[in-house]
Amino acid sequence: MSRPSVPAKEGQPRGITTAALAWTTFAVNGIVILQGAVVRATGSGAGCGRDWPRCQGEFLPLDHGFATWIEYSHRALSGVALLMGVWLLIRAFRLRKANPGLLAWTVASTTFLGIEALIGAATVLSGLTGDNVSVARGLLVAFHLLNSLWLMGSLSLAVHHAHADQPWPPGWHGRSGLGWLVGLGLLGMMVVMFSGGIAAMGNTMFPPESLEAGLSEDFSTASHPLIRLRILHPLLAIAVGIYLWAIHAVTGWLRPIPEAGPWRRLLLWAYAVQLVIGAVNLSLLGPIMLQLTHLAVAVGVFCLWTLVAWIVLTAPGPVRTPGNLPWRSREAVSA
């Protein structure tokens, strides 16, 4: 005998839960980003020619080479990611009254998804693929990576809001100074990621024969601009890492929020691991699997920092100031 069905709560759609849908959309987009790195690292960006959205003049290219299938699979999964984003947007719109924060971050992520598609189309149609070694290609790839990070950061906050109703609009009163500190960390991380995109393109288009030769090329005035710029990435990564550790101490003291603690610690450990991976990747001249690992951890670090920043800035409760220090309160009581 079957159990009677339980009606869904008002405003809550049947089927896959909103949290599961948000997580799935997040995961699919993460895989698409890694696929893009495979396309770049294998030189398969021109696998579909200068056709878009078709590939080699066909919607289903069957009689073409390996590079075509790598590029085509990337485009196909990108289409799935776009559909998932639209599905999540429709779900968030239906829940807009009960969970307006979810709708806000889903609208943001869908916007970045649309920009992703436009950048991909512009890259192919303008011929900035294959053997093209222009600075324009390096800058476009770097901006593409930056937009991917904004997409994943927005989706991470959509996942956060999908798990529980969060206050909306968020409370910012009295936290502008803290917002500048946290915002500077986010800006620094975006600069690191942008420089990482340029470094990746420099290594792809001009692979060094050895670590010593690569470093020599980095400081040579005769080298291509993308080669000379790639040395900035590890230097910026170290500088931003030091800032993150300092901000961890400051925000942990100013806003000792239990919810942020585990995410903050995970962020710091992930960034430390990322620095180690980056050093090994540099010394081994960037094998593809290590490049993918480096990128995956980088995306995870950015999402963690976005989540920690959001919790620290929006969670209820005051910000500590010299006038409300714990020891000052005890002195006042004893007096």
Protein backbone atom coordinates (compact mmCIF):
# COMPACT_ATOMS: atom_id res chain seq x y z
CA MET A 1 0.00 0.00 0.00
CA SER A 2 1.52 3.30 -1.04
CA ARG A 3 1.80 6.19 1.35
CA PRO A 4 -0.37 9.23 0.59
CA SER A 5 1.55 12.06 -1.00
CA VAL A 6 2.36 15.03 1.19
CA PRO A 7 1.49 18.35 -0.43
CA ALA A 8 4.39 20.67 -0.97
CA LYS A 9 4.61 23.81 1.12
CA GLU A 10 3.23 26.93 -0.48
CA GLY A 11 5.87 28.45 -2.72
CA GLN A 12 8.10 25.38 -2.58
CA PRO A 13 8.25 23.58 -5.97
CA ARG A 14 8.14 19.80 -6.15
CA GLY A 15 11.03 17.66 -7.40
CA ILE A 16 14.68 18.54 -6.91
CA THR A 17 15.23 20.79 -3.91
CA THR A 18 16.41 24.34 -4.43
CA ALA A 19 19.65 23.64 -2.55
CA ALA A 20 20.38 20.59 -4.73
CA LEU A 21 19.62 22.58 -7.88
CA ALA A 22 21.95 25.39 -6.76
CA TRP A 23 24.75 22.94 -5.92
CA THR A 24 24.34 21.14 -9.26
CA THR A 25 24.49 24.43 -11.17
CA PHE A 26 27.60 25.38 -9.19
CA ALA A 27 29.28 22.03 -9.94
CA VAL A 28 28.46 22.04 -13.67
CA ASN A 29 29.88 25.54 -14.09
CA GLY A 30 33.02 24.54 -12.20
CA ILE A 31 33.55 21.64 -14.62
CA VAL A 32 33.02 23.99 -17.57
CA ILE A 33 35.80 26.26 -16.27
CA LEU A 34 38.18 23.31 -15.99
CA GLN A 35 37.16 22.21 -19.48
CA GLY A 36 38.13 25.65 -20.74
CA ALA A 37 41.58 25.17 -19.23
CA VAL A 38 41.90 21.83 -21.05
CA VAL A 39 40.95 23.55 -24.31
CA ARG A 40 43.64 26.19 -23.73
CA ALA A 41 46.36 23.81 -22.53
CA THR A 42 45.86 21.38 -25.43
CA GLY A 43 45.67 24.11 -28.06
CA SER A 44 42.17 23.00 -29.06
CA GLY A 45 40.59 26.46 -29.12
CA ALA A 46 40.46 26.44 -32.92
CA GLY A 47 39.01 22.92 -33.02
CA CYS A 48 35.68 24.20 -34.31
CA GLY A 49 37.17 26.76 -36.66
CA ARG A 50 35.66 30.24 -36.64
CA ASP A 51 32.09 28.90 -36.48
CA TRP A 52 29.85 29.72 -33.53
CA PRO A 53 27.55 28.31 -32.25
CA ARG A 54 28.10 25.61 -34.87
CA CYS A 55 31.35 23.60 -34.97
CA GLN A 56 33.19 23.12 -38.29
CA GLY A 57 29.99 24.23 -40.01
CA GLU A 58 27.94 21.46 -38.30
CA PHE A 59 25.81 21.21 -35.19
CA LEU A 60 27.20 17.73 -34.51
CA PRO A 61 30.73 17.33 -35.91
CA LEU A 62 31.33 13.59 -36.36
CA ASP A 63 34.22 13.35 -38.82
CA HIS A 64 36.81 15.65 -37.29
CA GLY A 65 39.87 15.36 -35.07
CA PHE A 66 40.54 15.20 -31.35
CA ALA A 67 40.88 18.98 -30.98
CA THR A 68 37.41 19.42 -32.46
CA TRP A 69 35.87 17.06 -29.92
CA ILE A 70 37.60 18.79 -27.01
CA GLU A 71 36.29 22.18 -28.11
CA TYR A 72 32.86 20.79 -28.99
CA SER A 73 32.43 19.05 -25.63
CA HIS A 74 33.32 22.32 -23.91
CA ARG A 75 30.68 24.17 -25.89
CA ALA A 76 28.10 21.45 -25.26
CA LEU A 77 28.60 21.45 -21.49
CA SER A 78 28.60 25.26 -21.53
CA GLY A 79 25.12 25.03 -23.06
CA VAL A 80 24.04 22.68 -20.27
CA ALA A 81 25.43 25.12 -17.70
CA LEU A 82 23.43 27.93 -19.28
CA LEU A 83 20.24 25.86 -19.11
CA MET A 84 20.95 25.01 -15.47
CA GLY A 85 21.42 28.69 -14.72
CA VAL A 86 18.09 29.56 -16.33
CA TRP A 87 16.38 26.74 -14.40
CA LEU A 88 17.81 28.07 -11.14
CA LEU A 89 16.71 31.59 -12.08
CA ILE A 90 13.14 30.41 -12.70
CA ARG A 91 13.14 28.58 -9.37
CA ALA A 92 14.51 31.63 -7.56
CA PHE A 93 11.90 33.86 -9.17
CA ARG A 94 9.14 31.57 -7.89
CA LEU A 95 10.63 31.83 -4.39
CA ARG A 96 11.34 35.57 -4.58
CA LYS A 97 9.01 36.52 -1.73
CA ALA A 98 10.26 33.86 0.67
CA ASN A 99 13.93 34.14 -0.33
CA PRO A 100 14.77 37.41 -2.12
CA GLY A 101 18.50 36.97 -1.51
CA LEU A 102 18.49 33.79 -3.59
CA LEU A 103 16.89 35.67 -6.48
CA ALA A 104 19.42 38.52 -6.27
CA TRP A 105 22.46 36.25 -6.48
CA THR A 106 20.86 34.03 -9.12
CA VAL A 107 20.20 37.08 -11.29
CA ALA A 108 23.88 38.02 -10.86
CA SER A 109 25.10 34.53 -11.77
CA THR A 110 22.82 34.35 -14.81
CA THR A 111 24.18 37.71 -15.99
CA PHE A 112 27.75 36.43 -15.71
CA LEU A 113 26.69 33.25 -17.54
CA GLY A 114 25.47 35.36 -20.43
CA ILE A 115 28.75 37.29 -20.46
CA GLU A 116 30.63 33.97 -20.50
CA ALA A 117 28.79 32.95 -23.66
CA LEU A 118 29.49 36.32 -25.30
CA ILE A 119 33.21 36.14 -24.46
CA GLY A 120 33.40 32.61 -25.86
CA ALA A 121 31.69 33.70 -29.07
CA ALA A 122 33.92 36.79 -29.40
CA THR A 123 37.04 34.67 -28.89
CA VAL A 124 36.10 32.28 -31.69
CA LEU A 125 34.66 34.78 -34.17
CA SER A 126 37.62 37.16 -33.82
CA GLY A 127 40.12 34.36 -34.37
CA LEU A 128 41.79 34.70 -30.94
CA THR A 129 42.42 30.95 -30.75
CA GLY A 130 44.87 28.39 -32.04
CA ASP A 131 48.23 29.89 -33.00
CA ASN A 132 47.24 33.49 -32.27
CA VAL A 133 49.90 34.95 -29.93
CA SER A 134 48.59 38.51 -29.61
CA VAL A 135 48.39 40.44 -26.36
CA ALA A 136 44.67 40.87 -27.07
CA ARG A 137 44.19 37.12 -26.79
CA GLY A 138 46.00 36.98 -23.46
CA LEU A 139 43.94 39.86 -22.05
CA LEU A 140 40.67 38.34 -23.28
CA VAL A 141 41.48 34.98 -21.71
CA ALA A 142 42.41 36.71 -18.44
CA PHE A 143 39.13 38.66 -18.41
CA HIS A 144 37.27 35.44 -19.25
CA LEU A 145 38.78 33.85 -16.15
CA LEU A 146 37.83 36.90 -14.07
CA ASN A 147 34.23 36.71 -15.25
CA SER A 148 34.21 32.98 -14.45
CA LEU A 149 35.23 33.83 -10.89
CA TRP A 150 32.43 36.38 -10.56
CA LEU A 151 30.06 33.70 -11.83
CA MET A 152 31.25 31.12 -9.31
CA GLY A 153 31.30 33.66 -6.48
CA SER A 154 27.68 34.58 -7.24
CA LEU A 155 26.70 30.92 -7.39
CA SER A 156 28.42 30.22 -4.06
CA LEU A 157 26.24 32.90 -2.44
CA ALA A 158 23.19 31.52 -4.26
CA VAL A 159 23.98 28.13 -2.69
CA HIS A 160 24.39 29.85 0.69
CA HIS A 161 20.93 31.46 0.39
CA ALA A 162 19.35 28.28 -0.98
CA HIS A 163 20.16 26.39 2.23
CA ALA A 164 18.41 28.83 4.54
CA ASP A 165 16.51 32.07 4.32
CA GLN A 166 18.95 34.90 4.99
CA PRO A 167 18.05 38.46 5.99
CA TRP A 168 17.48 40.66 2.95
CA PRO A 169 18.47 43.34 2.29
CA PRO A 170 21.65 42.72 4.29
CA GLY A 171 22.55 45.00 7.17
CA TRP A 172 25.61 47.13 6.44
CA HIS A 173 25.22 49.80 9.12
CA GLY A 174 28.43 50.48 11.04
CA ARG A 175 30.52 48.13 8.90
CA SER A 176 31.88 50.39 6.17
CA GLY A 177 35.46 50.23 7.49
CA LEU A 178 35.32 46.47 7.70
CA GLY A 179 33.83 46.43 4.21
CA TRP A 180 36.85 48.29 2.83
CA LEU A 181 39.23 45.77 4.41
CA VAL A 182 37.32 42.78 3.08
CA GLY A 183 36.72 44.41 -0.31
CA LEU A 184 40.42 45.11 -0.72
CA GLY A 185 41.09 41.40 -0.16
CA LEU A 186 38.58 40.48 -2.85
CA LEU A 187 40.10 43.01 -5.23
CA GLY A 188 43.57 41.63 -4.55
CA MET A 189 42.38 38.12 -5.27
CA MET A 190 40.85 39.22 -8.56
CA VAL A 191 44.14 40.85 -9.54
CA VAL A 192 45.94 37.60 -8.73
CA MET A 193 43.49 35.61 -10.84
CA PHE A 194 43.76 38.06 -13.74
CA SER A 195 47.55 37.81 -13.65
CA GLY A 196 47.18 34.02 -13.47
CA GLY A 197 45.18 34.05 -16.71
CA ILE A 198 47.91 36.07 -18.42
CA ALA A 199 50.63 33.77 -17.03
CA ALA A 200 48.74 30.70 -18.23
CA MET A 201 48.45 32.13 -21.74
CA GLY A 202 52.12 33.12 -21.73
CA ASN A 203 53.12 29.57 -20.79
CA THR A 204 50.76 28.07 -23.36
CA MET A 205 51.86 30.21 -26.29
CA PHE A 206 55.54 30.39 -25.31
CA PRO A 207 56.34 27.22 -23.30
CA PRO A 208 59.78 27.49 -21.66
CA GLU A 209 62.34 24.75 -22.24
CA SER A 210 63.43 24.82 -18.60
CA LEU A 211 62.77 26.76 -15.40
CA GLU A 212 66.04 28.65 -15.78
CA ALA A 213 65.27 29.54 -19.39
CA GLY A 214 61.76 30.63 -18.46
CA LEU A 215 62.97 32.95 -15.70
CA SER A 216 65.56 34.40 -18.04
CA GLU A 217 62.86 35.13 -20.62
CA ASP A 218 60.68 36.76 -17.96
CA PHE A 219 63.30 39.48 -17.39
CA SER A 220 64.41 39.91 -20.99
CA THR A 221 63.36 43.15 -22.68
CA ALA A 222 63.25 41.26 -26.00
CA SER A 223 60.56 38.86 -24.77
CA HIS A 224 56.88 39.01 -25.75
CA PRO A 225 54.78 41.13 -23.32
CA LEU A 226 52.84 38.05 -22.15
CA ILE A 227 56.13 36.41 -21.14
CA ARG A 228 57.36 39.46 -19.24
CA LEU A 229 54.04 39.82 -17.40
CA ARG A 230 53.82 36.23 -16.14
CA ILE A 231 56.42 36.81 -13.37
CA LEU A 232 53.90 39.12 -11.68
CA HIS A 233 51.55 36.25 -10.85
CA PRO A 234 53.60 34.45 -8.14
CA LEU A 235 54.67 37.77 -6.60
CA LEU A 236 51.07 38.99 -6.40
CA ALA A 237 49.91 35.63 -5.04
CA ILE A 238 52.38 35.82 -2.14
CA ALA A 239 51.46 39.43 -1.35
CA VAL A 240 47.72 38.71 -1.34
CA GLY A 241 48.30 35.60 0.77
CA ILE A 242 50.02 37.69 3.46
CA TYR A 243 47.12 40.15 3.36
CA LEU A 244 44.57 37.32 3.74
CA TRP A 245 46.31 36.01 6.85
CA ALA A 246 46.31 39.54 8.32
CA ILE A 247 42.64 40.04 7.46
CA HIS A 248 41.85 36.68 9.05
CA ALA A 249 43.19 37.94 12.35
CA VAL A 250 41.51 41.34 12.09
CA THR A 251 38.06 40.15 11.01
CA GLY A 252 38.17 37.26 13.46
CA TRP A 253 38.64 39.75 16.27
CA LEU A 254 36.25 42.44 15.00
CA ARG A 255 33.50 39.97 14.07
CA PRO A 256 33.91 36.68 16.01
CA ILE A 257 31.04 34.98 14.18
CA PRO A 258 30.88 31.21 14.82
CA GLU A 259 29.40 30.54 11.36
CA ALA A 260 32.36 32.18 9.62
CA GLY A 261 35.07 30.40 11.65
CA PRO A 262 35.22 27.04 9.81
CA TRP A 263 34.99 28.69 6.38
CA ARG A 264 37.71 31.18 7.29
CA ARG A 265 40.08 28.43 8.41
CA LEU A 266 39.34 26.38 5.30
CA LEU A 267 40.06 29.46 3.17
CA LEU A 268 43.46 30.02 4.74
CA TRP A 269 44.51 26.39 4.45
CA ALA A 270 43.30 26.23 0.85
CA TYR A 271 45.29 29.34 -0.03
CA ALA A 272 48.41 27.89 1.60
CA VAL A 273 47.95 24.67 -0.40
CA GLN A 274 47.43 26.78 -3.52
CA LEU A 275 50.78 28.51 -3.04
CA VAL A 276 52.49 25.12 -2.77
CA ILE A 277 50.72 23.84 -5.90
CA GLY A 278 51.72 27.00 -7.74
CA ALA A 279 55.37 26.58 -6.79
CA VAL A 280 55.39 22.93 -7.92
CA ASN A 281 53.52 23.86 -11.10
CA LEU A 282 56.17 26.47 -11.87
CA SER A 283 59.09 24.15 -11.19
CA LEU A 284 57.61 21.35 -13.35
CA LEU A 285 56.78 23.75 -16.21
CA GLY A 286 53.02 23.34 -15.87
CA PRO A 287 51.88 19.79 -16.66
CA ILE A 288 48.20 19.81 -17.63
CA MET A 289 46.87 17.90 -14.60
CA LEU A 290 48.72 20.24 -12.25
CA GLN A 291 47.38 23.25 -14.15
CA LEU A 292 43.84 21.92 -13.67
CA THR A 293 44.45 21.32 -9.96
CA HIS A 294 45.87 24.83 -9.60
CA LEU A 295 42.83 26.32 -11.30
CA ALA A 296 40.33 24.22 -9.33
CA VAL A 297 41.83 25.26 -6.00
CA ALA A 298 41.97 28.89 -7.18
CA VAL A 299 38.24 28.85 -7.95
CA GLY A 300 37.55 27.23 -4.59
CA VAL A 301 39.62 29.86 -2.77
CA PHE A 302 37.75 32.70 -4.47
CA CYS A 303 34.37 31.16 -3.60
CA LEU A 304 35.44 30.65 0.02
CA TRP A 305 36.65 34.24 0.31
CA THR A 306 33.36 35.48 -1.21
CA LEU A 307 31.37 33.43 1.31
CA VAL A 308 33.49 34.49 4.30
CA ALA A 309 33.29 38.15 3.25
CA TRP A 310 29.52 37.94 2.95
CA ILE A 311 29.03 36.29 6.33
CA VAL A 312 31.40 38.69 8.10
CA LEU A 313 29.72 41.75 6.62
CA THR A 314 26.07 40.71 6.88
CA ALA A 315 25.70 38.48 9.96
CA PRO A 316 23.72 40.09 12.80
CA GLY A 317 25.66 41.62 15.66
CA PRO A 318 27.90 44.61 16.36
CA VAL A 319 31.43 45.30 15.21
CA ARG A 320 33.96 45.55 18.02
CA THR A 321 35.43 48.99 18.63
CA PRO A 322 37.87 50.34 21.24
CA GLY A 323 34.83 51.38 23.28
CA ASN A 324 33.30 47.89 23.55
CA LEU A 325 36.40 45.74 24.14
CA PRO A 326 35.74 42.74 26.37
CA TRP A 327 38.41 43.77 28.90
CA ARG A 328 37.08 47.35 28.96
CA SER A 329 33.66 45.96 29.93
CA ARG A 330 35.18 43.94 32.79
CA GLU A 331 37.07 47.02 34.03
CA ALA A 332 33.84 49.01 34.02
CA VAL A 333 32.06 46.35 36.05
CA SER A 334 34.87 46.10 38.61
CA ALA A 335 34.94 49.87 39.01
